[in-house]
PDB file of N, CA and C in Angstrom:
ATOM      1  N   MET A   1       0.880  -1.173  -0.001  1.00  0.00           N
ATOM      2  CA  MET A   1       0.049   0.065   0.046  1.00  0.00           C
ATOM      3  C   MET A   1       0.940   1.350   0.104  1.00  0.00           C
ATOM      4  N   ILE A   2       0.710   2.269  -0.859  1.00  0.00           N
ATOM      5  CA  ILE A   2       1.411   3.312  -0.961  1.00  0.00           C
ATOM      6  C   ILE A   2       0.485   4.647  -0.734  1.00  0.00           C
ATOM      7  N   ALA A   3       0.903   5.314   0.334  1.00  0.00           N
ATOM      8  CA  ALA A   3      -0.188   6.322   0.871  1.00  0.00           C
ATOM      9  C   ALA A   3       0.680   7.724   1.007  1.00  0.00           C
ATOM     10  N   GLN A   4       0.057   8.702   0.979  1.00  0.00           N
ATOM     11  CA  GLN A   4       0.563  10.118   1.278  1.00  0.00           C
ATOM     12  C   GLN A   4      -0.107  10.528   2.414  1.00  0.00           C
ATOM     13  N   LEU A   5       0.897  10.554   3.667  1.00  0.00           N
ATOM     14  CA  LEU A   5       0.251  10.804   4.901  1.00  0.00           C
ATOM     15  C   LEU A   5       0.359  12.601   4.791  1.00  0.00           C
ATOM     16  N   THR A   6      -0.733  13.026   5.728  1.00  0.00           N
ATOM     17  CA  THR A   6      -0.683  14.395   5.898  1.00  0.00           C
ATOM     18  C   THR A   6       0.531  14.984   6.612  1.00  0.00           C
ATOM     19  N   GLY A   7       1.012  16.399   6.412  1.00  0.00           N
ATOM     20  CA  GLY A   7       1.970  16.777   6.846  1.00  0.00           C
ATOM     21  C   GLY A   7       2.181  16.403   8.665  1.00  0.00           C
ATOM     22  N   ARG A   8       0.822  16.876   9.239  1.00  0.00           N
ATOM     23  CA  ARG A   8       0.807  17.065  10.482  1.00  0.00           C
ATOM     24  C   ARG A   8       0.847  15.266  11.108  1.00  0.00           C
ATOM     25  N   VAL A   9       0.415  14.106  10.288  1.00  0.00           N
ATOM     26  CA  VAL A   9       0.648  13.033  10.868  1.00  0.00           C
ATOM     27  C   VAL A   9       1.976  12.636  10.931  1.00  0.00           C
ATOM     28  N   THR A  10       2.877  13.143   9.630  1.00  0.00           N
ATOM     29  CA  THR A  10       4.228  12.477   9.535  1.00  0.00           C
ATOM     30  C   THR A  10       4.921  13.231  10.678  1.00  0.00           C
ATOM     31  N   GLN A  11       4.535  14.539  11.000  1.00  0.00           N
ATOM     32  CA  GLN A  11       5.649  14.988  12.032  1.00  0.00           C
ATOM     33  C   GLN A  11       5.217  14.440  13.378  1.00  0.00           C
ATOM     34  N   GLU A  12       4.023  13.839  13.642  1.00  0.00           N
ATOM     35  CA  GLU A  12       3.847  13.295  14.852  1.00  0.00           C
ATOM     36  C   GLU A  12       4.282  11.879  14.917  1.00  0.00           C
ATOM     37  N   LEU A  13       4.658  11.267  13.902  1.00  0.00           N
ATOM     38  CA  LEU A  13       5.388   9.871  13.896  1.00  0.00           C
ATOM     39  C   LEU A  13       7.104   9.961  14.495  1.00  0.00           C
ATOM     40  N   ALA A  14       7.445   9.132  15.158  1.00  0.00           N
ATOM     41  CA  ALA A  14       8.902   8.900  15.561  1.00  0.00           C
ATOM     42  C   ALA A  14       9.560   8.234  14.272  1.00  0.00           C
ATOM     43  N   TRP A  15      10.198   9.230  13.563  1.00  0.00           N
ATOM     44  CA  TRP A  15      10.944   8.512  12.570  1.00  0.00           C
ATOM     45  C   TRP A  15      12.708   8.485  12.957  1.00  0.00           C
ATOM     46  N   PHE A  16      13.232   7.330  12.338  1.00  0.00           N
ATOM     47  CA  PHE A  16      14.337   7.247  12.618  1.00  0.00           C
ATOM     48  C   PHE A  16      14.991   6.865  11.276  1.00  0.00           C
ATOM     49  N   LYS A  17      16.419   7.256  11.042  1.00  0.00           N
ATOM     50  CA  LYS A  17      17.055   6.964   9.811  1.00  0.00           C
ATOM     51  C   LYS A  17      17.779   5.528   9.823  1.00  0.00           C
ATOM     52  N   SER A  18      17.845   5.101   8.571  1.00  0.00           N
ATOM     53  CA  SER A  18      18.559   3.752   8.693  1.00  0.00           C
ATOM     54  C   SER A  18      19.984   3.727   9.296  1.00  0.00           C
ATOM     55  N   SER A  19      20.221   2.745  10.021  1.00  0.00           N
ATOM     56  CA  SER A  19      21.630   2.534  10.631  1.00  0.00           C
ATOM     57  C   SER A  19      22.625   2.512   9.495  1.00  0.00           C
ATOM     58  N   TYR A  20      22.271   2.110   8.512  1.00  0.00           N
ATOM     59  CA  TYR A  20      23.434   2.144   7.143  1.00  0.00           C
ATOM     60  C   TYR A  20      23.609   3.210   6.707  1.00  0.00           C
ATOM     61  N   SER A  21      22.958   4.668   6.992  1.00  0.00           N
ATOM     62  CA  SER A  21      23.197   5.959   6.392  1.00  0.00           C
ATOM     63  C   SER A  21      24.583   6.249   6.801  1.00  0.00           C
ATOM     64  N   ALA A  22      25.632   6.830   5.973  1.00  0.00           N
ATOM     65  CA  ALA A  22      26.882   7.258   6.274  1.00  0.00           C
ATOM     66  C   ALA A  22      26.755   8.752   6.643  1.00  0.00           C
ATOM     67  N   GLY A  23      25.769   9.397   6.468  1.00  0.00           N
ATOM     68  CA  GLY A  23      25.658  10.751   6.650  1.00  0.00           C
ATOM     69  C   GLY A  23      26.260  11.762   5.875  1.00  0.00           C
ATOM     70  N   ASN A  24      26.724  11.222   4.429  1.00  0.00           N
ATOM     71  CA  ASN A  24      27.272  12.137   3.566  1.00  0.00           C
ATOM     72  C   ASN A  24      26.324  12.336   2.622  1.00  0.00           C
ATOM     73  N   GLY A  25      25.123  12.332   2.801  1.00  0.00           N
ATOM     74  CA  GLY A  25      24.048  12.634   1.363  1.00  0.00           C
ATOM     75  C   GLY A  25      23.846  11.879   0.651  1.00  0.00           C
ATOM     76  N   GLY A  26      24.161  10.509   0.847  1.00  0.00           N
ATOM     77  CA  GLY A  26      23.758   9.423   0.038  1.00  0.00           C
ATOM     78  C   GLY A  26      22.442   8.800   0.064  1.00  0.00           C
ATOM     79  N   ASP A  27      22.256   7.611  -0.516  1.00  0.00           N
ATOM     80  CA  ASP A  27      20.791   7.159  -0.240  1.00  0.00           C
ATOM     81  C   ASP A  27      20.492   6.904   1.179  1.00  0.00           C
ATOM     82  N   CYS A  28      19.347   7.219   1.649  1.00  0.00           N
ATOM     83  CA  CYS A  28      18.947   6.699   2.879  1.00  0.00           C
ATOM     84  C   CYS A  28      17.504   6.843   2.968  1.00  0.00           C
ATOM     85  N   VAL A  29      17.029   5.896   4.094  1.00  0.00           N
ATOM     86  CA  VAL A  29      15.471   6.035   4.462  1.00  0.00           C
ATOM     87  C   VAL A  29      15.216   6.302   5.583  1.00  0.00           C
ATOM     88  N   GLU A  30      14.054   6.514   6.106  1.00  0.00           N
ATOM     89  CA  GLU A  30      13.629   6.871   7.135  1.00  0.00           C
ATOM     90  C   GLU A  30      12.627   5.956   7.731  1.00  0.00           C
ATOM     91  N   VAL A  31      12.279   5.311   8.879  1.00  0.00           N
ATOM     92  CA  VAL A  31      11.182   4.385   9.216  1.00  0.00           C
ATOM     93  C   VAL A  31      10.481   4.940  10.426  1.00  0.00           C
ATOM     94  N   ALA A  32       9.228   4.658  10.354  1.00  0.00           N
ATOM     95  CA  ALA A  32       8.329   5.009  11.491  1.00  0.00           C
ATOM     96  C   ALA A  32       7.449   3.948  11.864  1.00  0.00           C
ATOM     97  N   ALA A  33       7.519   3.125  13.014  1.00  0.00           N
ATOM     98  CA  ALA A  33       6.636   2.139  13.218  1.00  0.00           C
ATOM     99  C   ALA A  33       5.540   2.565  14.136  1.00  0.00           C
ATOM    100  N   CYS A  34       4.456   2.002  13.885  1.00  0.00           N
ATOM    101  CA  CYS A  34       3.311   2.449  14.839  1.00  0.00           C
ATOM    102  C   CYS A  34       2.467   1.032  14.732  1.00  0.00           C
ATOM    103  N   PRO A  35       1.357   0.989  15.750  1.00  0.00           N
ATOM    104  CA  PRO A  35       0.722  -0.297  15.623  1.00  0.00           C
ATOM    105  C   PRO A  35       0.007  -0.332  14.426  1.00  0.00           C
ATOM    106  N   GLY A  36       0.221  -1.596  13.993  1.00  0.00           N
ATOM    107  CA  GLY A  36      -0.606  -1.950  12.573  1.00  0.00           C
ATOM    108  C   GLY A  36       0.077  -1.280  11.325  1.00  0.00           C
ATOM    109  N   ALA A  37       1.268  -0.751  11.434  1.00  0.00           N
ATOM    110  CA  ALA A  37       1.818  -0.076  10.237  1.00  0.00           C
ATOM    111  C   ALA A  37       3.298   0.378  10.414  1.00  0.00           C
ATOM    112  N   VAL A  38       3.768   0.110   9.212  1.00  0.00           N
ATOM    113  CA  VAL A  38       5.504   0.761   9.056  1.00  0.00           C
ATOM    114  C   VAL A  38       5.446   1.755   8.079  1.00  0.00           C
ATOM    115  N   HIS A  39       6.054   2.951   8.293  1.00  0.00           N
ATOM    116  CA  HIS A  39       5.975   4.013   7.454  1.00  0.00           C
ATOM    117  C   HIS A  39       7.553   4.264   6.934  1.00  0.00           C
ATOM    118  N   VAL A  40       7.503   4.277   5.594  1.00  0.00           N
ATOM    119  CA  VAL A  40       9.051   4.305   5.054  1.00  0.00           C
ATOM    120  C   VAL A  40       8.926   5.574   4.236  1.00  0.00           C
ATOM    121  N   ARG A  41      10.015   6.470   4.158  1.00  0.00           N
ATOM    122  CA  ARG A  41      10.217   7.819   3.316  1.00  0.00           C
ATOM    123  C   ARG A  41      11.525   8.102   2.776  1.00  0.00           C
ATOM    124  N   ASP A  42      11.833   8.807   2.146  1.00  0.00           N
ATOM    125  CA  ASP A  42      13.131   9.237   1.614  1.00  0.00           C
ATOM    126  C   ASP A  42      13.562  10.329   2.721  1.00  0.00           C
ATOM    127  N   SER A  43      14.678   9.849   3.123  1.00  0.00           N
ATOM    128  CA  SER A  43      15.114  11.126   4.417  1.00  0.00           C
ATOM    129  C   SER A  43      15.746  12.348   3.590  1.00  0.00           C
ATOM    130  N   LYS A  44      15.959  12.253   2.291  1.00  0.00           N
ATOM    131  CA  LYS A  44      16.470  13.652   1.574  1.00  0.00           C
ATOM    132  C   LYS A  44      15.329  14.373   1.296  1.00  0.00           C
ATOM    133  N   ASP A  45      14.275  13.827   1.070  1.00  0.00           N
ATOM    134  CA  ASP A  45      12.919  14.825   0.626  1.00  0.00           C
ATOM    135  C   ASP A  45      11.756  14.146   1.267  1.00  0.00           C
ATOM    136  N   THR A  46      11.456  14.502   2.529  1.00  0.00           N
ATOM    137  CA  THR A  46      10.429  13.902   3.165  1.00  0.00           C
ATOM    138  C   THR A  46       9.141  14.653   2.947  1.00  0.00           C
ATOM    139  N   SER A  47       8.807  15.417   1.788  1.00  0.00           N
ATOM    140  CA  SER A  47       7.539  15.932   1.222  1.00  0.00           C
ATOM    141  C   SER A  47       7.265  14.861   0.067  1.00  0.00           C
ATOM    142  N   VAL A  48       7.833  13.823  -0.243  1.00  0.00           N
ATOM    143  CA  VAL A  48       7.133  13.083  -1.149  1.00  0.00           C
ATOM    144  C   VAL A  48       6.459  11.909  -0.489  1.00  0.00           C
ATOM    145  N   ALA A  49       5.858  11.197  -1.145  1.00  0.00           N
ATOM    146  CA  ALA A  49       4.747  10.250  -0.804  1.00  0.00           C
ATOM    147  C   ALA A  49       5.688   9.093   0.394  1.00  0.00           C
ATOM    148  N   VAL A  50       4.840   8.622   1.130  1.00  0.00           N
ATOM    149  CA  VAL A  50       5.502   7.661   2.074  1.00  0.00           C
ATOM    150  C   VAL A  50       4.886   6.120   1.814  1.00  0.00           C
ATOM    151  N   ILE A  51       5.662   5.390   1.969  1.00  0.00           N
ATOM    152  CA  ILE A  51       5.390   3.944   1.525  1.00  0.00           C
ATOM    153  C   ILE A  51       4.836   3.476   3.107  1.00  0.00           C
ATOM    154  N   THR A  52       3.419   2.913   3.085  1.00  0.00           N
ATOM    155  CA  THR A  52       3.067   2.410   4.464  1.00  0.00           C
ATOM    156  C   THR A  52       2.874   0.788   4.129  1.00  0.00           C
ATOM    157  N   LEU A  53       3.346   0.161   5.104  1.00  0.00           N
ATOM    158  CA  LEU A  53       3.470  -1.459   4.937  1.00  0.00           C
ATOM    159  C   LEU A  53       2.806  -2.138   6.165  1.00  0.00           C
ATOM    160  N   GLN A  54       2.098  -3.304   6.205  1.00  0.00           N
ATOM    161  CA  GLN A  54       1.897  -3.914   7.307  1.00  0.00           C
ATOM    162  C   GLN A  54       2.939  -4.357   8.032  1.00  0.00           C
ATOM    163  N   PRO A  55       3.129  -4.602   9.266  1.00  0.00           N
ATOM    164  CA  PRO A  55       4.166  -4.815   9.767  1.00  0.00           C
ATOM    165  C   PRO A  55       4.762  -6.439   9.292  1.00  0.00           C
ATOM    166  N   GLN A  56       3.984  -7.319   9.070  1.00  0.00           N
ATOM    167  CA  GLN A  56       4.353  -8.450   8.482  1.00  0.00           C
ATOM    168  C   GLN A  56       5.161  -8.490   7.166  1.00  0.00           C
ATOM    169  N   ALA A  57       4.636  -7.466   6.133  1.00  0.00           N
ATOM    170  CA  ALA A  57       5.294  -7.198   5.061  1.00  0.00           C
ATOM    171  C   ALA A  57       6.849  -6.623   5.347  1.00  0.00           C
ATOM    172  N   TRP A  58       6.641  -5.694   6.274  1.00  0.00           N
ATOM    173  CA  TRP A  58       8.065  -5.101   6.781  1.00  0.00           C
ATOM    174  C   TRP A  58       9.049  -6.009   7.090  1.00  0.00           C
ATOM    175  N   ASP A  59       8.790  -6.958   8.239  1.00  0.00           N
ATOM    176  CA  ASP A  59       9.496  -7.979   8.648  1.00  0.00           C
ATOM    177  C   ASP A  59      10.072  -8.831   7.569  1.00  0.00           C
ATOM    178  N   ALA A  60       9.165  -9.207   6.650  1.00  0.00           N
ATOM    179  CA  ALA A  60       9.532  -9.972   5.411  1.00  0.00           C
ATOM    180  C   ALA A  60      10.731  -9.573   4.602  1.00  0.00           C
ATOM    181  N   PHE A  61      10.313  -8.263   4.411  1.00  0.00           N
ATOM    182  CA  PHE A  61      11.472  -7.474   3.361  1.00  0.00           C
ATOM    183  C   PHE A  61      12.896  -7.465   4.346  1.00  0.00           C
ATOM    184  N   VAL A  62      12.808  -7.080   5.558  1.00  0.00           N
ATOM    185  CA  VAL A  62      14.019  -6.674   6.436  1.00  0.00           C
ATOM    186  C   VAL A  62      14.714  -8.301   6.483  1.00  0.00           C
ATOM    187  N   GLY A  63      13.919  -9.395   6.632  1.00  0.00           N
ATOM    188  CA  GLY A  63      14.339 -10.785   6.691  1.00  0.00           C
ATOM    189  C   GLY A  63      15.180 -11.169   5.349  1.00  0.00           C
ATOM    190  N   PHE A  64      14.422 -10.891   4.337  1.00  0.00           N
ATOM    191  CA  PHE A  64      15.136 -11.044   2.927  1.00  0.00           C
ATOM    192  C   PHE A  64      16.388 -10.296   2.696  1.00  0.00           C
ATOM    193  N   ALA A  65      16.191  -8.791   2.978  1.00  0.00           N
ATOM    194  CA  ALA A  65      17.359  -8.210   2.808  1.00  0.00           C
ATOM    195  C   ALA A  65      18.442  -8.531   3.865  1.00  0.00           C
ATOM    196  N   ALA A  66      18.378  -9.045   4.903  1.00  0.00           N
ATOM    197  CA  ALA A  66      19.355  -9.439   5.775  1.00  0.00           C
ATOM    198  C   ALA A  66      20.024 -10.747   5.265  1.00  0.00           C
ATOM    199  N   ASN A  67      19.211 -11.621   4.785  1.00  0.00           N
ATOM    200  CA  ASN A  67      19.631 -12.961   4.373  1.00  0.00           C
ATOM    201  C   ASN A  67      20.464 -13.098   2.882  1.00  0.00           C
ATOM    202  N   SER A  68      19.979 -11.816   2.233  1.00  0.00           N
ATOM    203  CA  SER A  68      20.407 -11.868   0.827  1.00  0.00           C
ATOM    204  C   SER A  68      21.760 -11.046   0.800  1.00  0.00           C
ATOM    205  N   GLY A  69      22.348 -10.573   1.587  1.00  0.00           N
ATOM    206  CA  GLY A  69      23.614  -9.674   1.684  1.00  0.00           C
ATOM    207  C   GLY A  69      23.229  -8.423   1.035  1.00  0.00           C
ATOM    208  N   VAL A  70      22.114  -7.822   0.932  1.00  0.00           N
ATOM    209  CA  VAL A  70      21.844  -6.680   0.398  1.00  0.00           C
ATOM    210  C   VAL A  70      22.309  -5.570   1.746  1.00  0.00           C
ATOM    211  N   VAL A  71      22.030  -5.972   2.909  1.00  0.00           N
ATOM    212  CA  VAL A  71      22.494  -4.988   3.989  1.00  0.00           C
ATOM    213  C   VAL A  71      23.650  -5.511   4.721  1.00  0.00           C
TER     214      VAL A  71
END
């Protein structure tokens, strides 16, 4: 599911940046988890659409990425 959250909602979420961010302006994402949803956005342009996933989908993605050597 892809959704554009309102500015007020995105400000209220507790966003955290990927631990793989080098801090040098490269590719990076931010994640905010809340009951029933995990929100993902581009940390360099927080005004663009937010991807919203069910927690099970996020867990599957993270597990895949960890096991495939992507991260």
